[in-house]
Protein backbone atom coordinates (compact mmCIF):
# COMPACT_ATOMS: atom_id res chain seq x y z
CA UNK A 1 22.20 133.58 74.22
CA UNK A 2 22.92 136.22 71.61
CA UNK A 3 26.27 137.71 70.54
CA UNK A 4 27.34 140.95 72.16
CA UNK A 5 29.05 143.81 70.34
CA UNK A 6 31.22 146.47 71.84
CA UNK A 7 29.54 149.25 69.90
CA UNK A 8 26.24 149.17 68.11
CA UNK A 9 26.42 150.22 64.47
CA UNK A 10 23.64 151.97 62.62
CA UNK A 11 23.75 152.02 58.88
CA UNK A 12 21.64 154.06 56.46
CA UNK A 13 21.42 153.83 52.70
CA UNK A 14 20.31 156.41 50.14
CA UNK A 15 19.67 155.38 46.58
CA UNK A 16 18.19 156.89 43.44
CA UNK A 17 17.01 155.44 40.13
CA UNK A 18 19.16 155.79 37.08
CA UNK A 19 16.61 158.02 35.31
CA UNK A 20 16.54 160.60 38.11
CA UNK A 21 18.69 163.59 37.27
CA UNK A 22 18.53 165.35 40.62
CA UNK A 23 18.39 164.15 44.20
CA UNK A 24 18.63 165.48 47.71
CA UNK A 25 21.31 164.48 50.17
CA UNK A 26 20.68 161.70 52.67
CA UNK A 27 20.92 162.81 56.29
CA UNK A 28 21.76 160.65 59.31
CA UNK A 29 20.88 161.73 62.80
CA UNK A 30 23.85 161.41 65.17
CA UNK A 31 23.59 158.45 67.54
CA UNK A 32 25.12 158.73 71.02
CA UNK A 33 28.03 156.43 71.81
CA UNK A 34 26.33 153.61 73.77
CA UNK A 35 29.47 152.97 75.82
CA UNK A 36 29.74 156.56 77.04
CA UNK A 37 26.28 158.07 76.74
CA UNK A 38 25.45 161.64 77.53
CA UNK A 39 22.82 161.73 80.23
CA UNK A 40 21.32 164.91 78.80
CA UNK A 41 20.74 163.26 75.42
CA UNK A 42 19.14 160.09 76.68
CA UNK A 43 17.39 160.65 79.97
CA UNK A 44 14.83 163.23 78.82
CA UNK A 45 12.77 161.13 76.43
CA UNK A 46 14.77 158.24 75.03
CA UNK A 47 13.51 156.23 72.10
CA UNK A 48 13.53 152.44 72.28
CA UNK A 49 16.49 152.48 69.91
CA UNK A 50 18.46 154.74 72.23
CA UNK A 51 17.56 152.57 75.21
CA UNK A 52 18.77 149.49 73.31
CA UNK A 53 22.03 151.27 72.46
CA UNK A 54 22.52 152.05 76.12
CA UNK A 55 21.94 148.41 77.13
CA UNK A 56 24.40 147.30 74.45
CA UNK A 57 26.97 149.72 75.87
CA UNK A 58 26.34 148.52 79.44
CA UNK A 59 26.87 144.88 78.52
CA UNK A 60 29.94 145.73 76.49
CA UNK A 61 31.30 147.80 79.38
CA UNK A 62 30.93 144.86 81.74
CA UNK A 63 33.81 143.24 79.83
CA UNK A 64 36.12 146.25 80.12
CA UNK A 65 39.16 145.44 82.28
CA UNK A 66 37.67 142.02 83.06
CA UNK A 67 41.09 140.49 82.44
CA UNK A 68 42.65 142.95 84.89
CA UNK A 69 40.11 142.06 87.57
CA UNK A 70 40.69 138.33 87.08
CA UNK A 71 44.46 138.86 87.12
CA UNK A 72 44.09 140.67 90.45
CA UNK A 73 42.11 137.94 92.18
CA UNK A 74 43.76 135.04 90.34
CA UNK A 75 47.36 136.06 91.04
CA UNK A 76 46.81 137.01 94.68
CA UNK A 77 44.74 133.84 95.10
CA UNK A 78 47.68 131.82 93.72
CA UNK A 79 45.61 130.24 90.98
CA UNK A 80 47.99 131.41 88.29
CA UNK A 81 50.87 133.75 87.62
CA UNK A 82 50.69 136.58 85.11
CA UNK A 83 54.05 136.86 83.40
CA UNK A 84 54.65 140.11 81.53
CA UNK A 85 57.89 141.22 79.93
CA UNK A 86 56.61 144.80 79.92
CA UNK A 87 55.39 145.12 83.52
CA UNK A 88 57.06 143.44 86.52
CA UNK A 89 54.31 144.54 88.91
CA UNK A 90 52.31 141.38 88.19
CA UNK A 91 54.98 139.34 89.95
CA UNK A 92 56.18 141.94 92.45
CA UNK A 93 53.32 144.10 93.75
CA UNK A 94 50.51 141.57 93.41
CA UNK A 95 52.56 138.89 95.13
CA UNK A 96 54.12 141.15 97.76
CA UNK A 97 57.67 140.46 96.70
CA UNK A 98 60.21 141.78 99.21
CA UNK A 99 59.14 145.27 100.28
CA UNK A 100 56.60 145.66 97.46
CA UNK A 101 53.08 146.69 98.41
CA UNK A 102 49.90 147.32 96.48
CA UNK A 103 49.80 150.78 94.94
CA UNK A 104 46.63 152.86 95.23
CA UNK A 105 47.32 154.76 92.02
CA UNK A 106 48.24 152.20 89.39
CA UNK A 107 46.46 150.07 86.79
CA UNK A 108 45.71 146.99 88.87
CA UNK A 109 43.85 149.10 91.44
CA UNK A 110 42.33 151.95 89.44
CA UNK A 111 41.33 150.26 86.18
CA UNK A 112 38.96 147.59 87.57
CA UNK A 113 37.51 150.15 90.01
CA UNK A 114 36.81 152.77 87.35
CA UNK A 115 35.49 150.28 84.80
CA UNK A 116 32.94 148.81 87.18
CA UNK A 117 31.70 152.22 88.29
CA UNK A 118 31.42 153.30 84.66
CA UNK A 119 28.94 150.47 84.14
CA UNK A 120 27.11 151.50 87.31
CA UNK A 121 26.90 155.05 85.96
CA UNK A 122 25.44 153.83 82.68
CA UNK A 123 22.96 151.64 84.56
CA UNK A 124 21.84 154.73 86.48
CA UNK A 125 21.37 156.56 83.17
CA UNK A 126 19.30 153.63 81.91
CA UNK A 127 17.09 153.82 84.99
CA UNK A 128 16.51 157.54 84.46
CA UNK A 129 15.86 157.04 80.76
CA UNK A 130 13.27 154.34 81.46
CA UNK A 131 11.60 156.53 84.08
CA UNK A 132 11.23 159.42 81.62
CA UNK A 133 10.73 157.79 78.24
CA UNK A 134 7.44 158.27 76.44
CA UNK A 135 8.11 155.30 74.20
CA UNK A 136 5.38 152.71 73.83
CA UNK A 137 6.16 150.42 76.75
CA UNK A 138 3.90 149.18 79.52
CA UNK A 139 4.43 150.04 83.17
CA UNK A 140 5.43 146.41 83.81
CA UNK A 141 8.05 146.68 81.08
CA UNK A 142 9.35 149.90 82.58
CA UNK A 143 9.68 148.25 86.00
CA UNK A 144 11.33 145.18 84.49
CA UNK A 145 13.87 147.33 82.62
CA UNK A 146 14.74 149.23 85.80
CA UNK A 147 15.04 145.92 87.67
CA UNK A 148 17.48 144.71 85.00
CA UNK A 149 19.58 147.84 85.57
CA UNK A 150 19.57 147.31 89.35
CA UNK A 151 20.69 143.70 88.87
CA UNK A 152 23.62 144.84 86.72
CA UNK A 153 24.52 147.52 89.27
CA UNK A 154 24.57 144.93 92.05
CA UNK A 155 26.83 142.62 90.06
CA UNK A 156 29.31 145.38 89.23
CA UNK A 157 29.33 146.72 92.80
CA UNK A 158 30.03 143.21 94.10
CA UNK A 159 33.11 143.07 91.89
CA UNK A 160 34.29 146.37 93.37
CA UNK A 161 33.59 145.03 96.85
CA UNK A 162 35.58 141.86 96.16
CA UNK A 163 38.71 143.95 95.66
CA UNK A 164 38.03 146.62 98.30
CA UNK A 165 36.60 144.34 101.03
CA UNK A 166 36.99 146.04 104.45
CA UNK A 167 37.54 149.43 102.78
CA UNK A 168 33.90 149.28 101.76
CA UNK A 169 32.40 150.82 98.64
CA UNK A 170 30.19 153.66 97.51
CA UNK A 171 26.75 152.43 96.50
CA UNK A 172 24.93 155.73 96.04
CA UNK A 173 26.65 157.28 93.02
CA UNK A 174 23.68 158.44 90.97
CA UNK A 175 24.58 162.11 91.45
CA UNK A 176 28.26 162.62 90.53
CA UNK A 177 28.26 165.99 92.29
CA UNK A 178 26.91 164.51 95.50
CA UNK A 179 28.34 161.03 95.93
CA UNK A 180 27.14 158.91 98.80
CA UNK A 181 29.55 157.80 101.52
CA UNK A 182 31.75 154.76 101.56
CA UNK A 183 29.85 152.10 103.48
CA UNK A 184 31.63 149.67 105.77
CA UNK A 185 32.15 146.04 104.73
CA UNK A 186 28.92 144.63 106.10
CA UNK A 187 26.80 147.58 105.01
CA UNK A 188 28.27 147.34 101.50
CA UNK A 189 27.18 143.73 101.11
CA UNK A 190 23.77 144.50 102.59
CA UNK A 191 23.27 147.35 100.12
CA UNK A 192 24.17 145.06 97.21
CA UNK A 193 21.75 142.45 98.53
CA UNK A 194 19.03 145.09 98.86
CA UNK A 195 19.53 146.17 95.23
CA UNK A 196 19.06 142.59 94.08
CA UNK A 197 16.00 142.09 96.25
CA UNK A 198 14.41 145.33 95.06
CA UNK A 199 14.98 144.30 91.47
CA UNK A 200 13.60 140.84 92.01
CA UNK A 201 10.35 142.24 93.36
CA UNK A 202 9.63 143.65 89.90
CA UNK A 203 11.03 140.66 88.00
CA UNK A 204 9.67 137.54 89.64
CA UNK A 205 6.44 136.06 88.35
CA UNK A 206 6.23 138.80 85.71
CA UNK A 207 5.31 137.91 82.19
CA UNK A 208 6.47 141.30 80.94
CA UNK A 209 9.09 141.35 78.23
CA UNK A 210 12.10 143.57 78.81
CA UNK A 211 11.85 146.66 76.58
CA UNK A 212 15.22 145.79 75.05
CA UNK A 213 17.31 142.74 74.17
CA UNK A 214 19.98 141.47 76.57
CA UNK A 215 22.88 139.15 75.76
CA UNK A 216 23.20 138.08 79.40
CA UNK A 217 20.27 135.69 79.50
CA UNK A 218 18.52 133.36 77.10
CA UNK A 219 15.09 134.92 77.66
CA UNK A 220 13.86 138.51 77.64
CA UNK A 221 10.92 137.67 79.89
CA UNK A 222 11.26 139.38 83.27
CA UNK A 223 10.28 136.30 85.26
CA UNK A 224 13.04 134.33 83.53
CA UNK A 225 15.66 137.06 84.03
CA UNK A 226 14.73 136.87 87.72
CA UNK A 227 16.50 133.48 87.82
CA UNK A 228 19.81 135.20 87.06
CA UNK A 229 19.07 137.82 89.72
CA UNK A 230 18.42 135.09 92.30
CA UNK A 231 21.61 133.24 91.36
CA UNK A 232 23.60 136.41 92.10
CA UNK A 233 21.61 136.83 95.33
CA UNK A 234 22.66 133.32 96.40
CA UNK A 235 26.31 134.28 95.87
CA UNK A 236 25.87 137.39 98.03
CA UNK A 237 24.06 135.39 100.72
CA UNK A 238 26.97 132.97 101.18
CA UNK A 239 29.36 135.93 101.36
CA UNK A 240 27.14 137.20 104.19
CA UNK A 241 27.00 133.70 105.76
CA UNK A 242 23.21 133.75 105.48
CA UNK A 243 22.71 130.09 104.67
CA UNK A 244 18.91 129.95 104.74
CA UNK A 245 18.69 132.99 102.47
CA UNK A 246 21.16 131.34 100.09
CA UNK A 247 18.97 128.25 99.84
CA UNK A 248 15.86 130.33 99.27
CA UNK A 249 17.57 132.30 96.51
CA UNK A 250 18.77 129.08 94.89
CA UNK A 251 15.25 127.69 94.86
CA UNK A 252 14.17 130.69 92.75
CA UNK A 253 17.23 130.66 90.47
CA UNK A 254 18.29 128.44 87.58
CA UNK A 255 20.00 126.05 90.03
CA UNK A 256 19.62 122.38 89.10
CA UNK A 257 21.36 119.51 90.85
CA UNK A 258 20.93 117.27 87.82
CA UNK A 259 21.16 119.92 85.12
CA UNK A 260 24.03 120.98 82.89
CA UNK A 261 26.75 122.48 85.07
CA UNK A 262 27.65 124.95 82.33
CA UNK A 263 24.18 126.54 82.16
CA UNK A 264 24.36 130.17 83.20
CA UNK A 265 25.08 133.75 82.23
CA UNK A 266 28.17 134.57 80.18
CA UNK A 267 30.21 137.44 78.82
CA UNK A 268 30.27 137.04 75.04
CA UNK A 269 33.14 137.88 72.68
CA UNK A 270 33.76 137.91 68.95
CA UNK A 271 36.23 138.91 66.27
CA UNK A 272 33.79 141.40 64.75
CA UNK A 273 35.23 144.83 64.15
CA UNK A 274 35.34 146.86 67.34
CA UNK A 275 34.33 143.93 69.54
CA UNK A 276 36.35 142.42 72.40
CA UNK A 277 38.24 139.12 72.61
CA UNK A 278 38.14 136.63 75.47
CA UNK A 279 39.85 138.33 78.39
CA UNK A 280 41.96 135.42 79.72
CA UNK A 281 42.94 133.84 76.42
CA UNK A 282 46.58 133.46 75.44
CA UNK A 283 47.78 130.87 72.90
CA UNK A 284 49.56 127.84 74.29
CA UNK A 285 53.29 128.23 74.90
CA UNK A 286 53.12 132.00 74.76
CA UNK A 287 56.13 133.96 75.91
CA UNK A 288 56.48 137.58 76.92
CA UNK A 289 52.82 137.88 77.89
CA UNK A 290 51.21 134.79 79.36
CA UNK A 291 49.36 133.24 82.29
CA UNK A 292 50.72 130.05 83.79
CA UNK A 293 49.20 127.80 86.42
CA UNK A 294 50.50 127.93 89.97
CA UNK A 295 52.16 124.48 90.21
CA UNK A 296 50.14 123.26 93.21
CA UNK A 297 46.97 123.31 91.10
CA UNK A 298 48.41 120.30 89.30
CA UNK A 299 50.20 118.58 92.18
CA UNK A 300 47.27 118.88 94.60
CA UNK A 301 44.70 117.47 92.14
CA UNK A 302 43.10 114.08 92.79
CA UNK A 303 44.16 111.38 90.32
CA UNK A 304 41.83 111.30 87.33
CA UNK A 305 40.34 114.77 87.88
CA UNK A 306 39.29 115.85 84.41
CA UNK A 307 39.31 119.49 85.46
CA UNK A 308 43.04 119.42 84.89
CA UNK A 309 42.10 120.07 81.27
CA UNK A 310 41.89 123.70 82.40
CA UNK A 311 45.69 123.79 82.18
CA UNK A 312 47.96 122.72 79.34
CA UNK A 313 51.50 121.30 79.53
CA UNK A 314 53.98 123.72 78.00
CA UNK A 315 56.69 122.68 75.58
CA UNK A 316 59.16 124.60 77.74
CA UNK A 317 59.10 125.75 81.33
CA UNK A 318 58.07 129.38 81.85
CA UNK A 319 60.34 131.18 84.33
CA UNK A 320 60.06 134.81 85.45
CA UNK A 321 61.21 136.62 88.60
CA UNK A 322 61.95 133.46 90.58
CA UNK A 323 58.60 131.86 89.66
CA UNK A 324 58.13 128.99 87.26
CA UNK A 325 55.47 126.74 85.82
CA UNK A 326 55.23 123.96 83.27
CA UNK A 327 51.54 124.61 82.57
CA UNK A 328 49.59 127.32 80.78
CA UNK A 329 46.18 128.46 81.94
CA UNK A 330 43.95 126.82 79.33
CA UNK A 331 40.39 127.41 80.53
CA UNK A 332 39.52 129.20 77.29
CA UNK A 333 40.63 127.42 74.13
CA UNK A 334 39.95 130.22 71.62
CA UNK A 335 39.97 134.00 71.66
CA UNK A 336 36.17 134.10 71.42
CA UNK A 337 35.20 131.58 74.11
CA UNK A 338 32.45 132.92 76.42
CA UNK A 339 33.41 133.58 80.03
CA UNK A 340 30.99 132.88 82.89
CA UNK A 341 29.35 135.52 85.02
CA UNK A 342 27.68 132.80 87.06
CA UNK A 343 26.79 129.23 86.15
CA UNK A 344 25.09 126.16 87.55
CA UNK A 345 28.27 124.48 88.81
CA UNK A 346 28.83 127.38 91.20
CA UNK A 347 25.20 127.18 92.29
CA UNK A 348 25.51 123.45 93.03
CA UNK A 349 28.54 124.21 95.21
CA UNK A 350 26.69 127.08 96.91
CA UNK A 351 23.91 124.59 97.67
CA UNK A 352 26.47 122.18 99.15
CA UNK A 353 28.01 124.92 101.27
CA UNK A 354 24.70 126.24 102.58
CA UNK A 355 23.51 122.72 103.44
CA UNK A 356 26.80 121.84 105.16
CA UNK A 357 26.64 125.04 107.21
CA UNK A 358 23.03 124.16 108.08
CA UNK A 359 24.19 120.72 109.35
CA UNK A 360 22.39 118.89 106.57
CA UNK A 361 25.23 116.62 105.52
CA UNK A 362 23.07 114.34 103.34
CA UNK A 363 22.07 117.14 100.97
CA UNK A 364 25.55 118.66 101.04
CA UNK A 365 27.12 115.35 99.99
CA UNK A 366 24.60 114.92 97.17
CA UNK A 367 25.78 118.20 95.70
CA UNK A 368 29.46 117.42 96.31
CA UNK A 369 29.06 114.09 94.54
CA UNK A 370 27.33 115.76 91.59
CA UNK A 371 30.44 117.85 91.03
CA UNK A 372 32.93 115.08 91.80
CA UNK A 373 31.38 112.58 89.41
CA UNK A 374 31.18 115.20 86.66
CA UNK A 375 34.95 115.59 87.10
CA UNK A 376 35.57 111.85 86.82
CA UNK A 377 36.04 111.27 90.55
CA UNK A 378 34.39 108.72 92.85
CA UNK A 379 31.82 109.81 95.42
CA UNK A 380 32.94 111.58 98.57
CA UNK A 381 33.79 109.17 101.39
CA UNK A 382 35.26 111.47 104.03
CA UNK A 383 33.96 112.71 107.37
CA UNK A 384 30.51 114.24 107.40
CA UNK A 385 30.90 116.97 110.02
CA UNK A 386 30.45 120.54 108.81
CA UNK A 387 34.15 121.44 108.98
CA UNK A 388 35.19 118.43 106.90
CA UNK A 389 32.50 119.09 104.33
CA UNK A 390 33.55 122.74 104.01
CA UNK A 391 37.13 121.59 103.42
CA UNK A 392 35.90 119.36 100.62
CA UNK A 393 33.69 122.08 99.14
CA UNK A 394 36.59 124.52 99.04
CA UNK A 395 38.63 121.92 97.16
CA UNK A 396 35.83 121.40 94.66
CA UNK A 397 35.37 125.14 94.23
CA UNK A 398 39.10 125.46 93.59
CA UNK A 399 38.96 123.07 90.65
CA UNK A 400 35.45 123.65 89.32
CA UNK A 401 35.75 127.45 89.33
CA UNK A 402 39.42 127.70 88.40
CA UNK A 403 40.37 131.10 86.96
CA UNK A 404 36.79 132.36 87.28
CA UNK A 405 37.64 134.72 90.14
CA UNK A 406 36.68 132.82 93.32
CA UNK A 407 39.67 131.19 95.05
CA UNK A 408 41.08 134.28 96.79
CA UNK A 409 37.59 135.35 97.88
CA UNK A 410 36.72 131.86 99.15
CA UNK A 411 39.88 131.51 101.23
CA UNK A 412 39.45 135.04 102.61
CA UNK A 413 35.87 134.51 103.72
CA UNK A 414 36.99 131.42 105.66
CA UNK A 415 40.03 133.24 107.08
CA UNK A 416 42.37 130.78 105.36
CA UNK A 417 44.54 133.03 103.22
CA UNK A 418 47.57 131.75 105.12
CA UNK A 419 47.00 128.36 103.49
CA UNK A 420 47.60 129.67 99.98
CA UNK A 421 50.96 128.54 98.54
CA UNK A 422 53.96 130.86 98.73
CA UNK A 423 56.68 130.21 96.16
CA UNK A 424 59.19 132.85 97.26
CA UNK A 425 60.32 133.55 100.78
CA UNK A 426 58.94 136.85 101.99
CA UNK A 427 56.00 137.06 99.58
CA UNK A 428 52.68 138.27 100.95
CA UNK A 429 49.05 137.31 100.42
CA UNK A 430 47.05 140.52 100.40
CA UNK A 431 43.62 140.73 102.04
CA UNK A 432 42.35 143.59 99.87
CA UNK A 433 43.33 146.34 97.49
CA UNK A 434 43.84 149.90 98.70
CA UNK A 435 41.15 152.46 98.04
CA UNK A 436 42.12 154.29 94.82
CA UNK A 437 44.00 157.54 95.41
CA UNK A 438 41.29 159.52 93.59
CA UNK A 439 38.75 158.39 96.20
CA UNK A 440 40.73 159.49 99.24
């Protein structure tokens, strides 16, 4: 995978020889900001350079407010606590302290919502630009580029859905003056699934090379990018409880039972000027602004589970607003560590879940054991009925996917939010975020 930069930079140089006594000025054509492109400038007849700038902006924008999104799902899902000396709402509103409720017009609701739709908007601009460009690309390349954009749209819309849930989401937002309706929960997921399937039709088995470079996948060949599309489709299928479809999608993805569990698609970060740093990174033993593990993550762990290296023992206990922890969140060890969009370990656990729900306990246990042994644990020896296997899979997802944005969603889709730990009497576990005030 290749490094991603928040803004693309274009440099020009003018030079003259020492013997030349006169010269003309060097001119530089203005380049649109790739993070906030003007549709009128790009969609009429974009050059390949302008299309690349737009893709760079899209992939940079996918990281905007990523930390806020993960704080939302991680705090409500009781994976960790976000302690902030400057904003008590992380420990009041998000945790339902006393009479506190979620606000429909504050940062934890509006910022993730707006950031994801900004990426969707730019993906729509990319689609229009690819449809209209007269640049030297083949029709297969054009289709592959549009399919890439649809895949990104589906991913971003799924993140919006994860917060909005039964409120539903808008999917048709191509025309800002004529926005489509909010779909209900089931229709929202179906629309996201349809986007992925439409994209995959033009990606799979295609040898075309994308007409731009992406940092999200190791290959620019459409048929290879299809594997990422199908991985996301498998995630959507389990959300829809469509187990056979999940297995089919996995078979066409980069899923591998014996492969590296870290293989996948990642957000990339760097210390380059203007770039972004890893969204969930704080140094160990931070104070004022920090993320600390919910204590049960440590106390509930099986002896010898190496995934406890995702937290780090603090020198001193962190205590804020009646909540305390002796452990920092330590999933990311530096401020430039990549963060997963989706990786093979999640796919192995999706395989286990789909097989368990299909009453194929043998295959489900194979996948469970792949994850357990990778974490230093012995093979699973519990009951083999579907309910028992799902219990085990949820435990493995809790530890394998810690702080990657899944626990709250997993417990909600199995109607088990009441099982999440409550550390203060009267706290609430929210089912969803309110629809932003600007959308009402």
